[in-house]
Structure formats: structure tokens, C-alpha cells
């Protein structure tokens, strides 16, 4: 098992080490979701279209694997987003021990297309920890996977964290119409480690039965085909 190091940049950062495994941040809406299509709870296959199952996304293993992939950097304290008289956002918090947010000047992001549902201003989630990975491993920082419900959008980036010995900050946009409190513990960035490899593209020749055999094998299971036939458990501690 590979080890990562989380190194605080100041003593106050130890008040809350806000990086932990993503499986601790599975949202309540996912936990409460039904595993079967409403009205078809007593069926495994759709009666009039039996090639399709009655399972919802709740039984989609790749969806859950994305939610629980790697680690989460989460908000260390509540922040409140309100609006000034001109409509621009005003972000505040109570504790001055560790500022959870800073910002970029807009000219640093000139030319970047702002998401359609977000304000044209880039803030930063402040991180007070250095993340060190083993040699030849980099880190992908993204918006939390499948978290379209969050009132912000975190920009993605890749850092060679085996060499870069400074804390990585996470730029983000606030959604247009949001005002209110974003609670401490809210996931703001998902963290995935990967080994740098040299890849090359290989196009294989068409084989008549390759896809047909794989599809038949997949459809031979009524439920959880992917999980039963292909899936392997991922472990993060």
C-alpha cells in the first residue's frame, strides 16, 4: 500500500485536519435514494422492455466508486454567502484563525469561460496542508464527483505532488443565485492520486465476436452485472 503525507504549514491547521477518505462524505440524498424505479419495485426487469433492469443509479457501482474515490478536502468552518447592494457576493466567516477562502484578481483568469450557472469571479479554497505523494505519483484535484447539488464549482488541476512541496489551493466559482450558509464539513475538492506513465494509443482490428461475447456475458446477469463480473474493491485509509 502506498503512503501519502499530509504536512501542516502552520500550527493552527491542526485544529481541523480537513482531508479524509471520500467514503465519509457520501451525501444523504444518495443514501436515501431508491434502488428501484418507482412503481416497479417488485420487478428486476422492466416488463415491457426486459433488456433493461428496474435498477436506479443507486445500484450503479461506477457512480458510487466515483463518489468514494480517493480523498476529500472539506470546508473547515461555516461560511455565509450574502449579496451587496450591487448584487455582488459577500462571503464571511467567524473564526480568524484560518481563512477558508481567498481570491484571485479577475485578470489572472482572463479568457477562461465561466460556467453558465456561476458568477464571473474566481475564489480559492485555502489549504493549509502540503500533500506529498511517493516518487512518480501526481495528484488530480477536482470538483467532488457527481456533486451537482453543491452551490459552487471547483476548478480541476493536476499537480506533481512528489516534487511540489507547497500547499495546493483550489480555485472555484460560486453559483449565480446562491445565498446562505455553506456548512463546515461540506466537500469542496476531490483528491485522486495516480502514477505517471507513458501512454500510447493502440487501435485494434475489428473482431466480430469480441463485443458480442462481452455483451452476452454482461446480460447473463439480471442485476449488478458490472459489480458481479468486473468490479474490484478500492481501498483508501
C-alpha atoms as a PDB file:
ATOM      1  CA  UNK A   1       0.000   0.000   0.000  1.00  0.00           C
ATOM      2  CA  UNK A   2       1.301   3.433  -0.971  1.00  0.00           C
ATOM      3  CA  UNK A   3       1.505   6.182   1.650  1.00  0.00           C
ATOM      4  CA  UNK A   4       0.792   9.880   1.307  1.00  0.00           C
ATOM      5  CA  UNK A   5       1.963  12.540   3.738  1.00  0.00           C
ATOM      6  CA  UNK A   6      -0.218  15.414   4.965  1.00  0.00           C
ATOM      7  CA  UNK A   7       2.055  18.151   6.323  1.00  0.00           C
ATOM      8  CA  UNK A   8       0.589  21.247   8.075  1.00  0.00           C
ATOM      9  CA  UNK A   9       2.004  24.620   7.096  1.00  0.00           C
ATOM     10  CA  UNK A  10       1.090  26.270  10.406  1.00  0.00           C
ATOM     11  CA  UNK A  11       0.194  25.088  13.894  1.00  0.00           C
ATOM     12  CA  UNK A  12      -3.401  26.341  13.665  1.00  0.00           C
ATOM     13  CA  UNK A  13      -4.031  23.892  10.800  1.00  0.00           C
ATOM     14  CA  UNK A  14      -4.043  21.087  13.365  1.00  0.00           C
ATOM     15  CA  UNK A  15      -7.291  22.493  14.803  1.00  0.00           C
ATOM     16  CA  UNK A  16      -9.016  20.604  11.971  1.00  0.00           C
ATOM     17  CA  UNK A  17      -7.235  18.300   9.534  1.00  0.00           C
ATOM     18  CA  UNK A  18      -9.798  18.680   6.773  1.00  0.00           C
ATOM     19  CA  UNK A  19      -8.551  15.961   4.413  1.00  0.00           C
ATOM     20  CA  UNK A  20     -10.047  12.493   4.828  1.00  0.00           C
ATOM     21  CA  UNK A  21     -11.272   9.479   2.865  1.00  0.00           C
ATOM     22  CA  UNK A  22     -14.104  10.265   0.449  1.00  0.00           C
ATOM     23  CA  UNK A  23     -16.286   7.401   1.700  1.00  0.00           C
ATOM     24  CA  UNK A  24     -17.019   9.524   4.796  1.00  0.00           C
ATOM     25  CA  UNK A  25     -18.676  12.140   2.576  1.00  0.00           C
ATOM     26  CA  UNK A  26     -21.347  10.170   0.721  1.00  0.00           C
ATOM     27  CA  UNK A  27     -24.306  12.626   0.626  1.00  0.00           C
ATOM     28  CA  UNK A  28     -27.618  11.956   2.354  1.00  0.00           C
ATOM     29  CA  UNK A  29     -29.566  12.279  -0.908  1.00  0.00           C
ATOM     30  CA  UNK A  30     -27.650   9.281  -2.257  1.00  0.00           C
ATOM     31  CA  UNK A  31     -28.225   7.227   0.896  1.00  0.00           C
ATOM     32  CA  UNK A  32     -31.958   7.979   0.782  1.00  0.00           C
ATOM     33  CA  UNK A  33     -32.402   7.241  -2.936  1.00  0.00           C
ATOM     34  CA  UNK A  34     -34.456   4.247  -4.043  1.00  0.00           C
ATOM     35  CA  UNK A  35     -32.661   1.295  -5.637  1.00  0.00           C
ATOM     36  CA  UNK A  36     -35.595   0.575  -7.956  1.00  0.00           C
ATOM     37  CA  UNK A  37     -37.687   2.648 -10.354  1.00  0.00           C
ATOM     38  CA  UNK A  38     -40.805   3.957  -8.645  1.00  0.00           C
ATOM     39  CA  UNK A  39     -43.776   1.682  -9.308  1.00  0.00           C
ATOM     40  CA  UNK A  40     -41.587  -1.242 -10.406  1.00  0.00           C
ATOM     41  CA  UNK A  41     -40.204  -2.212  -7.005  1.00  0.00           C
ATOM     42  CA  UNK A  42     -41.430  -5.823  -7.388  1.00  0.00           C
ATOM     43  CA  UNK A  43     -39.613  -6.380 -10.693  1.00  0.00           C
ATOM     44  CA  UNK A  44     -35.956  -6.807 -11.610  1.00  0.00           C
ATOM     45  CA  UNK A  45     -36.558  -6.337 -15.359  1.00  0.00           C
ATOM     46  CA  UNK A  46     -38.921  -3.794 -16.961  1.00  0.00           C
ATOM     47  CA  UNK A  47     -41.917  -5.897 -18.065  1.00  0.00           C
ATOM     48  CA  UNK A  48     -42.384  -4.290 -21.493  1.00  0.00           C
ATOM     49  CA  UNK A  49     -38.654  -3.870 -22.149  1.00  0.00           C
ATOM     50  CA  UNK A  50     -36.873  -6.758 -20.411  1.00  0.00           C
ATOM     51  CA  UNK A  51     -33.412  -5.968 -21.728  1.00  0.00           C
ATOM     52  CA  UNK A  52     -33.447  -3.088 -19.195  1.00  0.00           C
ATOM     53  CA  UNK A  53     -33.447  -3.535 -15.430  1.00  0.00           C
ATOM     54  CA  UNK A  54     -35.505  -1.618 -12.914  1.00  0.00           C
ATOM     55  CA  UNK A  55     -32.377  -0.570 -11.031  1.00  0.00           C
ATOM     56  CA  UNK A  56     -31.730   3.154 -10.500  1.00  0.00           C
ATOM     57  CA  UNK A  57     -28.411   4.941 -10.352  1.00  0.00           C
ATOM     58  CA  UNK A  58     -28.296   3.871  -6.670  1.00  0.00           C
ATOM     59  CA  UNK A  59     -27.200   0.423  -7.884  1.00  0.00           C
ATOM     60  CA  UNK A  60     -24.654   1.839 -10.333  1.00  0.00           C
ATOM     61  CA  UNK A  61     -21.313   0.782  -8.885  1.00  0.00           C
ATOM     62  CA  UNK A  62     -19.246   3.193 -11.052  1.00  0.00           C
ATOM     63  CA  UNK A  63     -21.352   6.112  -9.735  1.00  0.00           C
ATOM     64  CA  UNK A  64     -20.650   5.116  -6.116  1.00  0.00           C
ATOM     65  CA  UNK A  65     -16.993   4.403  -6.880  1.00  0.00           C
ATOM     66  CA  UNK A  66     -16.687   7.975  -8.155  1.00  0.00           C
ATOM     67  CA  UNK A  67     -18.342   9.385  -5.012  1.00  0.00           C
ATOM     68  CA  UNK A  68     -15.994   7.410  -2.746  1.00  0.00           C
ATOM     69  CA  UNK A  69     -12.851   7.698  -4.853  1.00  0.00           C
ATOM     70  CA  UNK A  70      -9.718   8.850  -3.059  1.00  0.00           C
ATOM     71  CA  UNK A  71      -9.895  11.648  -0.524  1.00  0.00           C
ATOM     72  CA  UNK A  72     -11.927  14.778   0.138  1.00  0.00           C
ATOM     73  CA  UNK A  73     -10.758  18.244   1.152  1.00  0.00           C
ATOM     74  CA  UNK A  74     -13.706  19.682   3.053  1.00  0.00           C
ATOM     75  CA  UNK A  75     -14.684  23.090   4.393  1.00  0.00           C
ATOM     76  CA  UNK A  76     -13.200  23.647   7.853  1.00  0.00           C
ATOM     77  CA  UNK A  77     -15.832  26.125   9.063  1.00  0.00           C
ATOM     78  CA  UNK A  78     -19.205  27.596   8.078  1.00  0.00           C
ATOM     79  CA  UNK A  79     -19.163  30.389   5.513  1.00  0.00           C
ATOM     80  CA  UNK A  80     -22.049  32.696   4.633  1.00  0.00           C
ATOM     81  CA  UNK A  81     -22.650  33.975   1.120  1.00  0.00           C
ATOM     82  CA  UNK A  82     -24.773  37.141   1.007  1.00  0.00           C
ATOM     83  CA  UNK A  83     -25.143  39.930  -1.555  1.00  0.00           C
ATOM     84  CA  UNK A  84     -24.082  43.559  -1.577  1.00  0.00           C
ATOM     85  CA  UNK A  85     -26.390  46.291  -2.870  1.00  0.00           C
ATOM     86  CA  UNK A  86     -24.900  45.931  -6.353  1.00  0.00           C
ATOM     87  CA  UNK A  87     -25.662  42.174  -6.337  1.00  0.00           C
ATOM     88  CA  UNK A  88     -22.051  41.045  -5.990  1.00  0.00           C
ATOM     89  CA  UNK A  89     -21.367  38.274  -3.444  1.00  0.00           C
ATOM     90  CA  UNK A  90     -20.114  38.964   0.054  1.00  0.00           C
ATOM     91  CA  UNK A  91     -18.524  35.983   1.830  1.00  0.00           C
ATOM     92  CA  UNK A  92     -17.929  35.981   5.595  1.00  0.00           C
ATOM     93  CA  UNK A  93     -16.962  33.601   8.415  1.00  0.00           C
ATOM     94  CA  UNK A  94     -16.497  33.931  12.179  1.00  0.00           C
ATOM     95  CA  UNK A  95     -13.087  32.480  13.095  1.00  0.00           C
ATOM     96  CA  UNK A  96      -9.952  34.386  12.085  1.00  0.00           C
ATOM     97  CA  UNK A  97      -7.579  31.522  12.951  1.00  0.00           C
ATOM     98  CA  UNK A  98      -7.583  30.140   9.403  1.00  0.00           C
ATOM     99  CA  UNK A  99      -9.149  31.954   6.460  1.00  0.00           C
ATOM    100  CA  UNK A 100     -11.092  29.313   4.495  1.00  0.00           C
ATOM    101  CA  UNK A 101     -11.293  31.438   1.326  1.00  0.00           C
ATOM    102  CA  UNK A 102      -9.133  33.903  -0.600  1.00  0.00           C
ATOM    103  CA  UNK A 103      -9.470  35.040  -4.209  1.00  0.00           C
ATOM    104  CA  UNK A 104      -7.774  35.776  -7.479  1.00  0.00           C
ATOM    105  CA  UNK A 105      -7.962  39.031  -9.358  1.00  0.00           C
ATOM    106  CA  UNK A 106     -10.075  38.617 -12.478  1.00  0.00           C
ATOM    107  CA  UNK A 107      -7.222  39.482 -14.836  1.00  0.00           C
ATOM    108  CA  UNK A 108      -5.478  36.259 -13.757  1.00  0.00           C
ATOM    109  CA  UNK A 109      -8.351  34.323 -15.319  1.00  0.00           C
ATOM    110  CA  UNK A 110      -8.962  36.451 -18.391  1.00  0.00           C
ATOM    111  CA  UNK A 111     -10.114  34.244 -21.273  1.00  0.00           C
ATOM    112  CA  UNK A 112     -11.425  31.430 -19.067  1.00  0.00           C
ATOM    113  CA  UNK A 113     -15.064  30.553 -19.870  1.00  0.00           C
ATOM    114  CA  UNK A 114     -17.135  30.893 -16.714  1.00  0.00           C
ATOM    115  CA  UNK A 115     -19.706  28.099 -16.201  1.00  0.00           C
ATOM    116  CA  UNK A 116     -23.122  29.339 -17.328  1.00  0.00           C
ATOM    117  CA  UNK A 117     -24.675  28.990 -13.861  1.00  0.00           C
ATOM    118  CA  UNK A 118     -21.825  30.701 -11.978  1.00  0.00           C
ATOM    119  CA  UNK A 119     -20.677  34.242 -11.210  1.00  0.00           C
ATOM    120  CA  UNK A 120     -17.764  35.563 -13.225  1.00  0.00           C
ATOM    121  CA  UNK A 121     -15.355  35.695 -10.306  1.00  0.00           C
ATOM    122  CA  UNK A 122     -12.770  33.170  -9.094  1.00  0.00           C
ATOM    123  CA  UNK A 123     -12.291  32.449  -5.392  1.00  0.00           C
ATOM    124  CA  UNK A 124      -9.911  29.958  -3.769  1.00  0.00           C
ATOM    125  CA  UNK A 125     -10.471  27.319  -1.118  1.00  0.00           C
ATOM    126  CA  UNK A 126      -7.476  27.822   1.169  1.00  0.00           C
ATOM    127  CA  UNK A 127      -5.494  24.697   2.039  1.00  0.00           C
ATOM    128  CA  UNK A 128      -3.042  24.738   4.954  1.00  0.00           C
ATOM    129  CA  UNK A 129      -1.569  21.296   4.260  1.00  0.00           C
ATOM    130  CA  UNK A 130       1.174  20.103   1.924  1.00  0.00           C
ATOM    131  CA  UNK A 131       0.295  16.826   0.219  1.00  0.00           C
ATOM    132  CA  UNK A 132       3.298  14.633  -0.566  1.00  0.00           C
ATOM    133  CA  UNK A 133       2.983  11.564  -2.763  1.00  0.00           C
ATOM    134  CA  UNK A 134       5.544   8.809  -3.488  1.00  0.00           C
ATOM    135  CA  UNK A 135       8.019   9.249  -6.329  1.00  0.00           C
ATOM    136  CA  UNK A 136       6.411   9.377  -9.793  1.00  0.00           C
ATOM    137  CA  UNK A 137       2.896   9.947  -8.387  1.00  0.00           C
ATOM    138  CA  UNK A 138       0.824  13.039  -9.185  1.00  0.00           C
ATOM    139  CA  UNK A 139      -2.475  14.296  -7.786  1.00  0.00           C
ATOM    140  CA  UNK A 140      -5.679  15.234  -9.585  1.00  0.00           C
ATOM    141  CA  UNK A 141      -7.791  17.830  -7.746  1.00  0.00           C
ATOM    142  CA  UNK A 142     -11.387  18.179  -8.979  1.00  0.00           C
ATOM    143  CA  UNK A 143     -14.872  19.281  -8.016  1.00  0.00           C
ATOM    144  CA  UNK A 144     -16.361  16.492  -5.849  1.00  0.00           C
ATOM    145  CA  UNK A 145     -17.559  13.789  -8.242  1.00  0.00           C
ATOM    146  CA  UNK A 146     -21.290  13.708  -9.057  1.00  0.00           C
ATOM    147  CA  UNK A 147     -21.976  16.563  -6.601  1.00  0.00           C
ATOM    148  CA  UNK A 148     -24.117  18.769  -8.831  1.00  0.00           C
ATOM    149  CA  UNK A 149     -26.053  19.846  -5.742  1.00  0.00           C
ATOM    150  CA  UNK A 150     -23.240  21.951  -4.314  1.00  0.00           C
ATOM    151  CA  UNK A 151     -23.610  25.766  -4.618  1.00  0.00           C
ATOM    152  CA  UNK A 152     -20.152  26.198  -6.183  1.00  0.00           C
ATOM    153  CA  UNK A 153     -17.936  24.645  -8.833  1.00  0.00           C
ATOM    154  CA  UNK A 154     -14.287  23.807  -8.073  1.00  0.00           C
ATOM    155  CA  UNK A 155     -11.819  24.023 -10.973  1.00  0.00           C
ATOM    156  CA  UNK A 156      -9.723  20.925 -11.765  1.00  0.00           C
ATOM    157  CA  UNK A 157      -5.944  20.746 -11.745  1.00  0.00           C
ATOM    158  CA  UNK A 158      -3.103  18.205 -11.704  1.00  0.00           C
ATOM    159  CA  UNK A 159      -0.015  18.754  -9.545  1.00  0.00           C
ATOM    160  CA  UNK A 160       3.170  16.659  -9.393  1.00  0.00           C
ATOM    161  CA  UNK A 161       2.976  16.344  -5.637  1.00  0.00           C
ATOM    162  CA  UNK A 162       6.044  14.143  -5.361  1.00  0.00           C
ATOM    163  CA  UNK A 163       8.104  17.258  -6.209  1.00  0.00           C
ATOM    164  CA  UNK A 164       5.928  20.245  -5.291  1.00  0.00           C
ATOM    165  CA  UNK A 165       6.394  20.892  -1.568  1.00  0.00           C
ATOM    166  CA  UNK A 166       3.873  23.709  -1.104  1.00  0.00           C
ATOM    167  CA  UNK A 167       0.147  23.612  -0.319  1.00  0.00           C
ATOM    168  CA  UNK A 168      -2.155  23.413  -3.348  1.00  0.00           C
ATOM    169  CA  UNK A 169      -5.033  25.910  -3.371  1.00  0.00           C
ATOM    170  CA  UNK A 170      -8.327  25.186  -5.138  1.00  0.00           C
ATOM    171  CA  UNK A 171      -9.953  27.882  -7.310  1.00  0.00           C
ATOM    172  CA  UNK A 172     -13.756  27.833  -7.538  1.00  0.00           C
ATOM    173  CA  UNK A 173     -16.831  29.693  -8.776  1.00  0.00           C
ATOM    174  CA  UNK A 174     -19.975  30.498  -6.756  1.00  0.00           C
ATOM    175  CA  UNK A 175     -23.299  29.670  -8.411  1.00  0.00           C
ATOM    176  CA  UNK A 176     -25.312  32.652  -9.636  1.00  0.00           C
ATOM    177  CA  UNK A 177     -28.309  32.716  -7.355  1.00  0.00           C
ATOM    178  CA  UNK A 178     -26.899  31.192  -4.199  1.00  0.00           C
ATOM    179  CA  UNK A 179     -27.120  32.952  -0.858  1.00  0.00           C
ATOM    180  CA  UNK A 180     -26.936  31.248   2.501  1.00  0.00           C
ATOM    181  CA  UNK A 181     -24.558  29.226   4.666  1.00  0.00           C
ATOM    182  CA  UNK A 182     -22.231  26.546   3.325  1.00  0.00           C
ATOM    183  CA  UNK A 183     -21.673  24.303   6.312  1.00  0.00           C
ATOM    184  CA  UNK A 184     -18.385  23.114   7.772  1.00  0.00           C
ATOM    185  CA  UNK A 185     -17.728  19.587   6.529  1.00  0.00           C
ATOM    186  CA  UNK A 186     -19.007  20.295   3.009  1.00  0.00           C
ATOM    187  CA  UNK A 187     -16.742  18.549   0.476  1.00  0.00           C
ATOM    188  CA  UNK A 188     -15.127  21.109  -1.812  1.00  0.00           C
ATOM    189  CA  UNK A 189     -12.364  19.196  -3.625  1.00  0.00           C
ATOM    190  CA  UNK A 190     -11.867  15.523  -4.502  1.00  0.00           C
ATOM    191  CA  UNK A 191      -8.298  14.207  -4.440  1.00  0.00           C
ATOM    192  CA  UNK A 192      -7.095  11.334  -6.633  1.00  0.00           C
ATOM    193  CA  UNK A 193      -3.532  10.026  -6.782  1.00  0.00           C
ATOM    194  CA  UNK A 194      -2.139   8.389  -9.914  1.00  0.00           C
ATOM    195  CA  UNK A 195       1.178   7.130 -11.209  1.00  0.00           C
ATOM    196  CA  UNK A 196       2.694   8.983 -14.135  1.00  0.00           C
ATOM    197  CA  UNK A 197       3.093   6.577 -17.048  1.00  0.00           C
ATOM    198  CA  UNK A 198       3.929   6.879 -20.708  1.00  0.00           C
ATOM    199  CA  UNK A 199       0.816   6.020 -22.682  1.00  0.00           C
ATOM    200  CA  UNK A 200       0.337   5.416 -26.377  1.00  0.00           C
ATOM    201  CA  UNK A 201      -2.807   4.932 -28.437  1.00  0.00           C
ATOM    202  CA  UNK A 202      -3.398   1.496 -29.965  1.00  0.00           C
ATOM    203  CA  UNK A 203      -6.343   0.778 -32.268  1.00  0.00           C
ATOM    204  CA  UNK A 204      -7.045  -2.944 -32.532  1.00  0.00           C
ATOM    205  CA  UNK A 205      -8.581  -4.622 -35.558  1.00  0.00           C
ATOM    206  CA  UNK A 206     -12.283  -5.431 -35.596  1.00  0.00           C
ATOM    207  CA  UNK A 207     -13.124  -8.838 -34.153  1.00  0.00           C
ATOM    208  CA  UNK A 208     -16.636  -9.995 -34.966  1.00  0.00           C
ATOM    209  CA  UNK A 209     -17.376 -11.833 -31.723  1.00  0.00           C
ATOM    210  CA  UNK A 210     -15.406  -9.738 -29.219  1.00  0.00           C
ATOM    211  CA  UNK A 211     -18.198  -7.270 -28.385  1.00  0.00           C
ATOM    212  CA  UNK A 212     -20.979  -9.829 -28.923  1.00  0.00           C
ATOM    213  CA  UNK A 213     -19.443 -12.252 -26.400  1.00  0.00           C
ATOM    214  CA  UNK A 214     -18.792  -9.487 -23.837  1.00  0.00           C
ATOM    215  CA  UNK A 215     -22.366  -8.176 -24.169  1.00  0.00           C
ATOM    216  CA  UNK A 216     -23.875 -11.658 -23.791  1.00  0.00           C
ATOM    217  CA  UNK A 217     -21.745 -12.238 -20.705  1.00  0.00           C
ATOM    218  CA  UNK A 218     -22.871  -8.904 -19.226  1.00  0.00           C
ATOM    219  CA  UNK A 219     -26.569  -9.502 -19.926  1.00  0.00           C
ATOM    220  CA  UNK A 220     -26.451 -13.017 -18.487  1.00  0.00           C
ATOM    221  CA  UNK A 221     -26.782 -11.370 -15.056  1.00  0.00           C
ATOM    222  CA  UNK A 222     -30.091  -9.636 -14.351  1.00  0.00           C
ATOM    223  CA  UNK A 223     -28.793  -7.419 -11.554  1.00  0.00           C
ATOM    224  CA  UNK A 224     -25.429  -5.899 -10.692  1.00  0.00           C
ATOM    225  CA  UNK A 225     -23.719  -7.243 -13.844  1.00  0.00           C
ATOM    226  CA  UNK A 226     -20.775  -4.884 -13.646  1.00  0.00           C
ATOM    227  CA  UNK A 227     -20.242  -5.421  -9.912  1.00  0.00           C
ATOM    228  CA  UNK A 228     -20.571  -9.211 -10.136  1.00  0.00           C
ATOM    229  CA  UNK A 229     -18.348  -9.689 -13.183  1.00  0.00           C
ATOM    230  CA  UNK A 230     -15.751  -6.920 -13.263  1.00  0.00           C
ATOM    231  CA  UNK A 231     -15.597  -4.727 -10.167  1.00  0.00           C
ATOM    232  CA  UNK A 232     -12.721  -4.750  -7.670  1.00  0.00           C
ATOM    233  CA  UNK A 233     -12.827  -3.106  -4.268  1.00  0.00           C
ATOM    234  CA  UNK A 234     -10.834   0.119  -3.883  1.00  0.00           C
ATOM    235  CA  UNK A 235      -9.209   0.845  -0.532  1.00  0.00           C
ATOM    236  CA  UNK A 236      -8.342   4.219   0.994  1.00  0.00           C
ATOM    237  CA  UNK A 237      -7.372   4.829   4.612  1.00  0.00           C
END
